[in-house]
């Protein structure tokens, strides 16, 4: 809701990243790495 885009396709048993989710994943990992540093 905050980002304004769906990050996952929600299926019956598994989740799948949307294209927006795949793009955001790189940013999220980088932000977490930088906050740990």
ModelCIF file with pLDDT and N, C-alpha, C, O atoms, coordinates in Angstrom:
data_MODEL
#
_entry.id   MODEL 
#
_entity.id                         1 
_entity.type                       polymer 
_entity.pdbx_number_of_molecules   1 
#
_entity_poly.entity_id                      1 
_entity_poly.type                           'polypeptide(L)' 
_entity_poly.nstd_linkage                   no 
_entity_poly.nstd_monomer                   no 
_entity_poly.pdbx_seq_one_letter_code       
;(UNK)(UNK)(UNK)(UNK)(UNK)(UNK)(UNK)(UNK)(UNK)(UNK)(UNK)(UNK)(UNK)(UNK)(UNK)(UNK)
(UNK)(UNK)(UNK)(UNK)(UNK)(UNK)(UNK)(UNK)(UNK)(UNK)(UNK)(UNK)(UNK)(UNK)(UNK)(UNK)
(UNK)(UNK)(UNK)(UNK)(UNK)
;
_entity_poly.pdbx_seq_one_letter_code_can   XXXXXXXXXXXXXXXXXXXXXXXXXXXXXXXXXXXXX 
_entity_poly.pdbx_strand_id                 A 
#
loop_
_entity_poly_seq.entity_id 
_entity_poly_seq.num 
_entity_poly_seq.mon_id 
_entity_poly_seq.hetero 
1 1  UNK n 
1 2  UNK n 
1 3  UNK n 
1 4  UNK n 
1 5  UNK n 
1 6  UNK n 
1 7  UNK n 
1 8  UNK n 
1 9  UNK n 
1 10 UNK n 
1 11 UNK n 
1 12 UNK n 
1 13 UNK n 
1 14 UNK n 
1 15 UNK n 
1 16 UNK n 
1 17 UNK n 
1 18 UNK n 
1 19 UNK n 
1 20 UNK n 
1 21 UNK n 
1 22 UNK n 
1 23 UNK n 
1 24 UNK n 
1 25 UNK n 
1 26 UNK n 
1 27 UNK n 
1 28 UNK n 
1 29 UNK n 
1 30 UNK n 
1 31 UNK n 
1 32 UNK n 
1 33 UNK n 
1 34 UNK n 
1 35 UNK n 
1 36 UNK n 
1 37 UNK n 
#
_struct_asym.id          A 
_struct_asym.entity_id   1 
#
loop_
_ma_qa_metric.id 
_ma_qa_metric.mode 
_ma_qa_metric.name 
_ma_qa_metric.software_group_id 
_ma_qa_metric.type 
1 global pLDDT . pLDDT 
2 local  pLDDT . pLDDT 
#
_ma_qa_metric_global.metric_id      1 
_ma_qa_metric_global.metric_value   92.76 
_ma_qa_metric_global.model_id       1 
_ma_qa_metric_global.ordinal_id     1 
#
loop_
_ma_qa_metric_local.label_asym_id 
_ma_qa_metric_local.label_comp_id 
_ma_qa_metric_local.label_seq_id 
_ma_qa_metric_local.metric_id 
_ma_qa_metric_local.metric_value 
_ma_qa_metric_local.model_id 
_ma_qa_metric_local.ordinal_id 
A UNK 1  2 95.00 1 1  
A UNK 2  2 95.00 1 2  
A UNK 3  2 95.00 1 3  
A UNK 4  2 96.00 1 4  
A UNK 5  2 96.00 1 5  
A UNK 6  2 96.00 1 6  
A UNK 7  2 96.00 1 7  
A UNK 8  2 93.00 1 8  
A UNK 9  2 91.00 1 9  
A UNK 10 2 88.00 1 10 
A UNK 11 2 78.00 1 11 
A UNK 12 2 76.00 1 12 
A UNK 13 2 72.00 1 13 
A UNK 14 2 81.00 1 14 
A UNK 15 2 89.00 1 15 
A UNK 16 2 92.00 1 16 
A UNK 17 2 94.00 1 17 
A UNK 18 2 94.00 1 18 
A UNK 19 2 96.00 1 19 
A UNK 20 2 96.00 1 20 
A UNK 21 2 96.00 1 21 
A UNK 22 2 96.00 1 22 
A UNK 23 2 96.00 1 23 
A UNK 24 2 96.00 1 24 
A UNK 25 2 96.00 1 25 
A UNK 26 2 96.00 1 26 
A UNK 27 2 96.00 1 27 
A UNK 28 2 96.00 1 28 
A UNK 29 2 96.00 1 29 
A UNK 30 2 96.00 1 30 
A UNK 31 2 96.00 1 31 
A UNK 32 2 95.00 1 32 
A UNK 33 2 95.00 1 33 
A UNK 34 2 96.00 1 34 
A UNK 35 2 94.00 1 35 
A UNK 36 2 93.00 1 36 
A UNK 37 2 94.00 1 37 
#
loop_
_atom_site.group_PDB 
_atom_site.id 
_atom_site.type_symbol 
_atom_site.label_atom_id 
_atom_site.label_alt_id 
_atom_site.label_comp_id 
_atom_site.label_asym_id 
_atom_site.label_entity_id 
_atom_site.label_seq_id 
_atom_site.pdbx_PDB_ins_code 
_atom_site.Cartn_x 
_atom_site.Cartn_y 
_atom_site.Cartn_z 
_atom_site.occupancy 
_atom_site.B_iso_or_equiv 
_atom_site.pdbx_formal_charge 
_atom_site.auth_seq_id 
_atom_site.auth_comp_id 
_atom_site.auth_asym_id 
_atom_site.auth_atom_id 
_atom_site.pdbx_PDB_model_num 
ATOM 1   N N  . UNK A 1 1  ? 0.832  -1.209  0.000   1.00 95.00 ? 1  UNK A N  1 
ATOM 2   C CA . UNK A 1 1  ? 0.000  0.000   0.000   1.00 95.00 ? 1  UNK A CA 1 
ATOM 3   C C  . UNK A 1 1  ? 0.864  1.255   0.000   1.00 95.00 ? 1  UNK A C  1 
ATOM 4   O O  . UNK A 1 1  ? 0.567  2.224   -0.699  1.00 95.00 ? 1  UNK A O  1 
ATOM 5   N N  . UNK A 1 2  ? 1.928  1.229   0.785   1.00 95.00 ? 2  UNK A N  1 
ATOM 6   C CA . UNK A 1 2  ? 2.815  2.388   0.839   1.00 95.00 ? 2  UNK A CA 1 
ATOM 7   C C  . UNK A 1 2  ? 3.505  2.629   -0.489  1.00 95.00 ? 2  UNK A C  1 
ATOM 8   O O  . UNK A 1 2  ? 3.643  3.772   -0.926  1.00 95.00 ? 2  UNK A O  1 
ATOM 9   N N  . UNK A 1 3  ? 3.943  1.543   -1.138  1.00 95.00 ? 3  UNK A N  1 
ATOM 10  C CA . UNK A 1 3  ? 4.632  1.672   -2.425  1.00 95.00 ? 3  UNK A CA 1 
ATOM 11  C C  . UNK A 1 3  ? 3.657  1.909   -3.575  1.00 95.00 ? 3  UNK A C  1 
ATOM 12  O O  . UNK A 1 3  ? 4.031  2.467   -4.607  1.00 95.00 ? 3  UNK A O  1 
ATOM 13  N N  . UNK A 1 4  ? 2.414  1.487   -3.395  1.00 96.00 ? 4  UNK A N  1 
ATOM 14  C CA . UNK A 1 4  ? 1.414  1.671   -4.447  1.00 96.00 ? 4  UNK A CA 1 
ATOM 15  C C  . UNK A 1 4  ? 1.482  0.648   -5.555  1.00 96.00 ? 4  UNK A C  1 
ATOM 16  O O  . UNK A 1 4  ? 0.906  0.855   -6.624  1.00 96.00 ? 4  UNK A O  1 
ATOM 17  N N  . UNK A 1 5  ? 2.177  -0.459  -5.321  1.00 96.00 ? 5  UNK A N  1 
ATOM 18  C CA . UNK A 1 5  ? 2.281  -1.524  -6.326  1.00 96.00 ? 5  UNK A CA 1 
ATOM 19  C C  . UNK A 1 5  ? 2.243  -2.885  -5.628  1.00 96.00 ? 5  UNK A C  1 
ATOM 20  O O  . UNK A 1 5  ? 2.697  -3.012  -4.491  1.00 96.00 ? 5  UNK A O  1 
ATOM 21  N N  . UNK A 1 6  ? 1.701  -3.906  -6.308  1.00 96.00 ? 6  UNK A N  1 
ATOM 22  C CA . UNK A 1 6  ? 1.784  -5.256  -5.736  1.00 96.00 ? 6  UNK A CA 1 
ATOM 23  C C  . UNK A 1 6  ? 3.197  -5.802  -5.912  1.00 96.00 ? 6  UNK A C  1 
ATOM 24  O O  . UNK A 1 6  ? 3.813  -5.643  -6.966  1.00 96.00 ? 6  UNK A O  1 
ATOM 25  N N  . UNK A 1 7  ? 3.698  -6.446  -4.864  1.00 96.00 ? 7  UNK A N  1 
ATOM 26  C CA . UNK A 1 7  ? 5.042  -7.017  -4.921  1.00 96.00 ? 7  UNK A CA 1 
ATOM 27  C C  . UNK A 1 7  ? 5.020  -8.509  -5.204  1.00 96.00 ? 7  UNK A C  1 
ATOM 28  O O  . UNK A 1 7  ? 6.024  -9.080  -5.631  1.00 96.00 ? 7  UNK A O  1 
ATOM 29  N N  . UNK A 1 8  ? 3.868  -9.145  -4.964  1.00 93.00 ? 8  UNK A N  1 
ATOM 30  C CA . UNK A 1 8  ? 3.729  -10.587 -5.153  1.00 93.00 ? 8  UNK A CA 1 
ATOM 31  C C  . UNK A 1 8  ? 2.465  -10.912 -5.929  1.00 93.00 ? 8  UNK A C  1 
ATOM 32  O O  . UNK A 1 8  ? 1.441  -10.241 -5.801  1.00 93.00 ? 8  UNK A O  1 
ATOM 33  N N  . UNK A 1 9  ? 2.564  -11.969 -6.744  1.00 91.00 ? 9  UNK A N  1 
ATOM 34  C CA . UNK A 1 9  ? 1.381  -12.637 -7.287  1.00 91.00 ? 9  UNK A CA 1 
ATOM 35  C C  . UNK A 1 9  ? 1.058  -13.703 -6.254  1.00 91.00 ? 9  UNK A C  1 
ATOM 36  O O  . UNK A 1 9  ? 1.905  -14.531 -5.918  1.00 91.00 ? 9  UNK A O  1 
ATOM 37  N N  . UNK A 1 10 ? -0.153 -13.682 -5.758  1.00 88.00 ? 10 UNK A N  1 
ATOM 38  C CA . UNK A 1 10 ? -0.531 -14.645 -4.725  1.00 88.00 ? 10 UNK A CA 1 
ATOM 39  C C  . UNK A 1 10 ? -1.342 -15.760 -5.368  1.00 88.00 ? 10 UNK A C  1 
ATOM 40  O O  . UNK A 1 10 ? -2.440 -15.530 -5.875  1.00 88.00 ? 10 UNK A O  1 
ATOM 41  N N  . UNK A 1 11 ? -0.786 -16.980 -5.343  1.00 78.00 ? 11 UNK A N  1 
ATOM 42  C CA . UNK A 1 11 ? -1.470 -18.149 -5.868  1.00 78.00 ? 11 UNK A CA 1 
ATOM 43  C C  . UNK A 1 11 ? -1.995 -19.008 -4.739  1.00 78.00 ? 11 UNK A C  1 
ATOM 44  O O  . UNK A 1 11 ? -1.989 -18.597 -3.578  1.00 78.00 ? 11 UNK A O  1 
ATOM 45  N N  . UNK A 1 12 ? -2.454 -20.210 -5.082  1.00 76.00 ? 12 UNK A N  1 
ATOM 46  C CA . UNK A 1 12 ? -3.002 -21.107 -4.066  1.00 76.00 ? 12 UNK A CA 1 
ATOM 47  C C  . UNK A 1 12 ? -1.945 -21.576 -3.077  1.00 76.00 ? 12 UNK A C  1 
ATOM 48  O O  . UNK A 1 12 ? -2.179 -21.566 -1.869  1.00 76.00 ? 12 UNK A O  1 
ATOM 49  N N  . UNK A 1 13 ? -0.794 -21.982 -3.574  1.00 72.00 ? 13 UNK A N  1 
ATOM 50  C CA . UNK A 1 13 ? 0.196  -22.571 -2.668  1.00 72.00 ? 13 UNK A CA 1 
ATOM 51  C C  . UNK A 1 13 ? 1.505  -21.789 -2.611  1.00 72.00 ? 13 UNK A C  1 
ATOM 52  O O  . UNK A 1 13 ? 2.235  -21.878 -1.624  1.00 72.00 ? 13 UNK A O  1 
ATOM 53  N N  . UNK A 1 14 ? 1.804  -21.032 -3.650  1.00 81.00 ? 14 UNK A N  1 
ATOM 54  C CA . UNK A 1 14 ? 3.080  -20.315 -3.679  1.00 81.00 ? 14 UNK A CA 1 
ATOM 55  C C  . UNK A 1 14 ? 2.886  -18.861 -4.028  1.00 81.00 ? 14 UNK A C  1 
ATOM 56  O O  . UNK A 1 14 ? 1.873  -18.451 -4.595  1.00 81.00 ? 14 UNK A O  1 
ATOM 57  N N  . UNK A 1 15 ? 3.881  -18.110 -3.671  1.00 89.00 ? 15 UNK A N  1 
ATOM 58  C CA . UNK A 1 15 ? 3.929  -16.704 -4.044  1.00 89.00 ? 15 UNK A CA 1 
ATOM 59  C C  . UNK A 1 15 ? 4.931  -16.555 -5.181  1.00 89.00 ? 15 UNK A C  1 
ATOM 60  O O  . UNK A 1 15 ? 5.852  -17.359 -5.325  1.00 89.00 ? 15 UNK A O  1 
ATOM 61  N N  . UNK A 1 16 ? 4.739  -15.528 -5.973  1.00 92.00 ? 16 UNK A N  1 
ATOM 62  C CA . UNK A 1 16 ? 5.690  -15.218 -7.036  1.00 92.00 ? 16 UNK A CA 1 
ATOM 63  C C  . UNK A 1 16 ? 5.870  -13.710 -7.059  1.00 92.00 ? 16 UNK A C  1 
ATOM 64  O O  . UNK A 1 16 ? 4.901  -12.958 -6.961  1.00 92.00 ? 16 UNK A O  1 
ATOM 65  N N  . UNK A 1 17 ? 7.107  -13.278 -7.188  1.00 94.00 ? 17 UNK A N  1 
ATOM 66  C CA . UNK A 1 17 ? 7.379  -11.843 -7.259  1.00 94.00 ? 17 UNK A CA 1 
ATOM 67  C C  . UNK A 1 17 ? 6.830  -11.254 -8.549  1.00 94.00 ? 17 UNK A C  1 
ATOM 68  O O  . UNK A 1 17 ? 6.941  -11.858 -9.616  1.00 94.00 ? 17 UNK A O  1 
ATOM 69  N N  . UNK A 1 18 ? 6.243  -10.080 -8.444  1.00 94.00 ? 18 UNK A N  1 
ATOM 70  C CA . UNK A 1 18 ? 5.851  -9.332  -9.631  1.00 94.00 ? 18 UNK A CA 1 
ATOM 71  C C  . UNK A 1 18 ? 7.099  -8.649  -10.182 1.00 94.00 ? 18 UNK A C  1 
ATOM 72  O O  . UNK A 1 18 ? 8.125  -8.624  -9.503  1.00 94.00 ? 18 UNK A O  1 
ATOM 73  N N  . UNK A 1 19 ? 7.041  -8.102  -11.379 1.00 96.00 ? 19 UNK A N  1 
ATOM 74  C CA . UNK A 1 19 ? 8.198  -7.334  -11.863 1.00 96.00 ? 19 UNK A CA 1 
ATOM 75  C C  . UNK A 1 19 ? 8.573  -6.198  -10.893 1.00 96.00 ? 19 UNK A C  1 
ATOM 76  O O  . UNK A 1 19 ? 9.756  -5.921  -10.696 1.00 96.00 ? 19 UNK A O  1 
ATOM 77  N N  . UNK A 1 20 ? 7.580  -5.549  -10.296 1.00 96.00 ? 20 UNK A N  1 
ATOM 78  C CA . UNK A 1 20 ? 7.867  -4.498  -9.311  1.00 96.00 ? 20 UNK A CA 1 
ATOM 79  C C  . UNK A 1 20 ? 8.548  -5.109  -8.086  1.00 96.00 ? 20 UNK A C  1 
ATOM 80  O O  . UNK A 1 20 ? 9.466  -4.515  -7.522  1.00 96.00 ? 20 UNK A O  1 
ATOM 81  N N  . UNK A 1 21 ? 8.095  -6.295  -7.676  1.00 96.00 ? 21 UNK A N  1 
ATOM 82  C CA . UNK A 1 21 ? 8.690  -6.985  -6.532  1.00 96.00 ? 21 UNK A CA 1 
ATOM 83  C C  . UNK A 1 21 ? 10.143 -7.343  -6.779  1.00 96.00 ? 21 UNK A C  1 
ATOM 84  O O  . UNK A 1 21 ? 10.987 -7.197  -5.894  1.00 96.00 ? 21 UNK A O  1 
ATOM 85  N N  . UNK A 1 22 ? 10.434 -7.815  -7.989  1.00 96.00 ? 22 UNK A N  1 
ATOM 86  C CA . UNK A 1 22 ? 11.822 -8.156  -8.332  1.00 96.00 ? 22 UNK A CA 1 
ATOM 87  C C  . UNK A 1 22 ? 12.703 -6.917  -8.304  1.00 96.00 ? 22 UNK A C  1 
ATOM 88  O O  . UNK A 1 22 ? 13.834 -6.968  -7.821  1.00 96.00 ? 22 UNK A O  1 
ATOM 89  N N  . UNK A 1 23 ? 12.195 -5.809  -8.818  1.00 96.00 ? 23 UNK A N  1 
ATOM 90  C CA . UNK A 1 23 ? 12.976 -4.561  -8.811  1.00 96.00 ? 23 UNK A CA 1 
ATOM 91  C C  . UNK A 1 23 ? 13.168 -4.062  -7.382  1.00 96.00 ? 23 UNK A C  1 
ATOM 92  O O  . UNK A 1 23 ? 14.252 -3.603  -7.021  1.00 96.00 ? 23 UNK A O  1 
ATOM 93  N N  . UNK A 1 24 ? 12.113 -4.151  -6.570  1.00 96.00 ? 24 UNK A N  1 
ATOM 94  C CA . UNK A 1 24 ? 12.208 -3.648  -5.193  1.00 96.00 ? 24 UNK A CA 1 
ATOM 95  C C  . UNK A 1 24 ? 13.106 -4.537  -4.338  1.00 96.00 ? 24 UNK A C  1 
ATOM 96  O O  . UNK A 1 24 ? 13.728 -4.050  -3.394  1.00 96.00 ? 24 UNK A O  1 
ATOM 97  N N  . UNK A 1 25 ? 13.187 -5.817  -4.645  1.00 96.00 ? 25 UNK A N  1 
ATOM 98  C CA . UNK A 1 25 ? 14.006 -6.749  -3.867  1.00 96.00 ? 25 UNK A CA 1 
ATOM 99  C C  . UNK A 1 25 ? 15.469 -6.299  -3.838  1.00 96.00 ? 25 UNK A C  1 
ATOM 100 O O  . UNK A 1 25 ? 16.104 -6.348  -2.786  1.00 96.00 ? 25 UNK A O  1 
ATOM 101 N N  . UNK A 1 26 ? 15.999 -5.871  -4.956  1.00 96.00 ? 26 UNK A N  1 
ATOM 102 C CA . UNK A 1 26 ? 17.386 -5.399  -4.995  1.00 96.00 ? 26 UNK A CA 1 
ATOM 103 C C  . UNK A 1 26 ? 17.568 -4.182  -4.087  1.00 96.00 ? 26 UNK A C  1 
ATOM 104 O O  . UNK A 1 26 ? 18.562 -4.084  -3.368  1.00 96.00 ? 26 UNK A O  1 
ATOM 105 N N  . UNK A 1 27 ? 16.616 -3.265  -4.123  1.00 96.00 ? 27 UNK A N  1 
ATOM 106 C CA . UNK A 1 27 ? 16.696 -2.083  -3.265  1.00 96.00 ? 27 UNK A CA 1 
ATOM 107 C C  . UNK A 1 27 ? 16.580 -2.460  -1.791  1.00 96.00 ? 27 UNK A C  1 
ATOM 108 O O  . UNK A 1 27 ? 17.314 -1.936  -0.953  1.00 96.00 ? 27 UNK A O  1 
ATOM 109 N N  . UNK A 1 28 ? 15.666 -3.362  -1.481  1.00 96.00 ? 28 UNK A N  1 
ATOM 110 C CA . UNK A 1 28 ? 15.459 -3.771  -0.089  1.00 96.00 ? 28 UNK A CA 1 
ATOM 111 C C  . UNK A 1 28 ? 16.711 -4.430  0.471   1.00 96.00 ? 28 UNK A C  1 
ATOM 112 O O  . UNK A 1 28 ? 17.123 -4.133  1.592   1.00 96.00 ? 28 UNK A O  1 
ATOM 113 N N  . UNK A 1 29 ? 17.314 -5.318  -0.299  1.00 96.00 ? 29 UNK A N  1 
ATOM 114 C CA . UNK A 1 29 ? 18.542 -5.974  0.160   1.00 96.00 ? 29 UNK A CA 1 
ATOM 115 C C  . UNK A 1 29 ? 19.655 -4.958  0.375   1.00 96.00 ? 29 UNK A C  1 
ATOM 116 O O  . UNK A 1 29 ? 20.396 -5.042  1.355   1.00 96.00 ? 29 UNK A O  1 
ATOM 117 N N  . UNK A 1 30 ? 19.774 -4.003  -0.532  1.00 96.00 ? 30 UNK A N  1 
ATOM 118 C CA . UNK A 1 30 ? 20.809 -2.978  -0.398  1.00 96.00 ? 30 UNK A CA 1 
ATOM 119 C C  . UNK A 1 30 ? 20.562 -2.118  0.837   1.00 96.00 ? 30 UNK A C  1 
ATOM 120 O O  . UNK A 1 30 ? 21.502 -1.818  1.574   1.00 96.00 ? 30 UNK A O  1 
ATOM 121 N N  . UNK A 1 31 ? 19.332 -1.721  1.073   1.00 96.00 ? 31 UNK A N  1 
ATOM 122 C CA . UNK A 1 31 ? 19.020 -0.910  2.258   1.00 96.00 ? 31 UNK A CA 1 
ATOM 123 C C  . UNK A 1 31 ? 19.303 -1.669  3.548   1.00 96.00 ? 31 UNK A C  1 
ATOM 124 O O  . UNK A 1 31 ? 19.837 -1.095  4.497   1.00 96.00 ? 31 UNK A O  1 
ATOM 125 N N  . UNK A 1 32 ? 18.954 -2.948  3.596   1.00 95.00 ? 32 UNK A N  1 
ATOM 126 C CA . UNK A 1 32 ? 19.233 -3.750  4.793   1.00 95.00 ? 32 UNK A CA 1 
ATOM 127 C C  . UNK A 1 32 ? 20.731 -3.912  5.009   1.00 95.00 ? 32 UNK A C  1 
ATOM 128 O O  . UNK A 1 32 ? 21.215 -3.825  6.137   1.00 95.00 ? 32 UNK A O  1 
ATOM 129 N N  . UNK A 1 33 ? 21.465 -4.147  3.922   1.00 95.00 ? 33 UNK A N  1 
ATOM 130 C CA . UNK A 1 33 ? 22.924 -4.280  4.027   1.00 95.00 ? 33 UNK A CA 1 
ATOM 131 C C  . UNK A 1 33 ? 23.524 -2.984  4.548   1.00 95.00 ? 33 UNK A C  1 
ATOM 132 O O  . UNK A 1 33 ? 24.380 -3.008  5.433   1.00 95.00 ? 33 UNK A O  1 
ATOM 133 N N  . UNK A 1 34 ? 23.087 -1.861  4.010   1.00 96.00 ? 34 UNK A N  1 
ATOM 134 C CA . UNK A 1 34 ? 23.630 -0.566  4.427   1.00 96.00 ? 34 UNK A CA 1 
ATOM 135 C C  . UNK A 1 34 ? 23.244 -0.237  5.868   1.00 96.00 ? 34 UNK A C  1 
ATOM 136 O O  . UNK A 1 34 ? 24.041 0.357   6.593   1.00 96.00 ? 34 UNK A O  1 
ATOM 137 N N  . UNK A 1 35 ? 22.045 -0.609  6.292   1.00 94.00 ? 35 UNK A N  1 
ATOM 138 C CA . UNK A 1 35 ? 21.660 -0.343  7.682   1.00 94.00 ? 35 UNK A CA 1 
ATOM 139 C C  . UNK A 1 35 ? 22.485 -1.202  8.638   1.00 94.00 ? 35 UNK A C  1 
ATOM 140 O O  . UNK A 1 35 ? 22.848 -0.744  9.721   1.00 94.00 ? 35 UNK A O  1 
ATOM 141 N N  . UNK A 1 36 ? 22.785 -2.448  8.248   1.00 93.00 ? 36 UNK A N  1 
ATOM 142 C CA . UNK A 1 36 ? 23.654 -3.303  9.079   1.00 93.00 ? 36 UNK A CA 1 
ATOM 143 C C  . UNK A 1 36 ? 25.055 -2.729  9.176   1.00 93.00 ? 36 UNK A C  1 
ATOM 144 O O  . UNK A 1 36 ? 25.668 -2.755  10.243  1.00 93.00 ? 36 UNK A O  1 
ATOM 145 N N  . UNK A 1 37 ? 25.563 -2.211  8.070   1.00 94.00 ? 37 UNK A N  1 
ATOM 146 C CA . UNK A 1 37 ? 26.890 -1.591  8.091   1.00 94.00 ? 37 UNK A CA 1 
ATOM 147 C C  . UNK A 1 37 ? 26.908 -0.367  8.999   1.00 94.00 ? 37 UNK A C  1 
ATOM 148 O O  . UNK A 1 37 ? 27.944 0.283   9.139   1.00 94.00 ? 37 UNK A O  1 
#
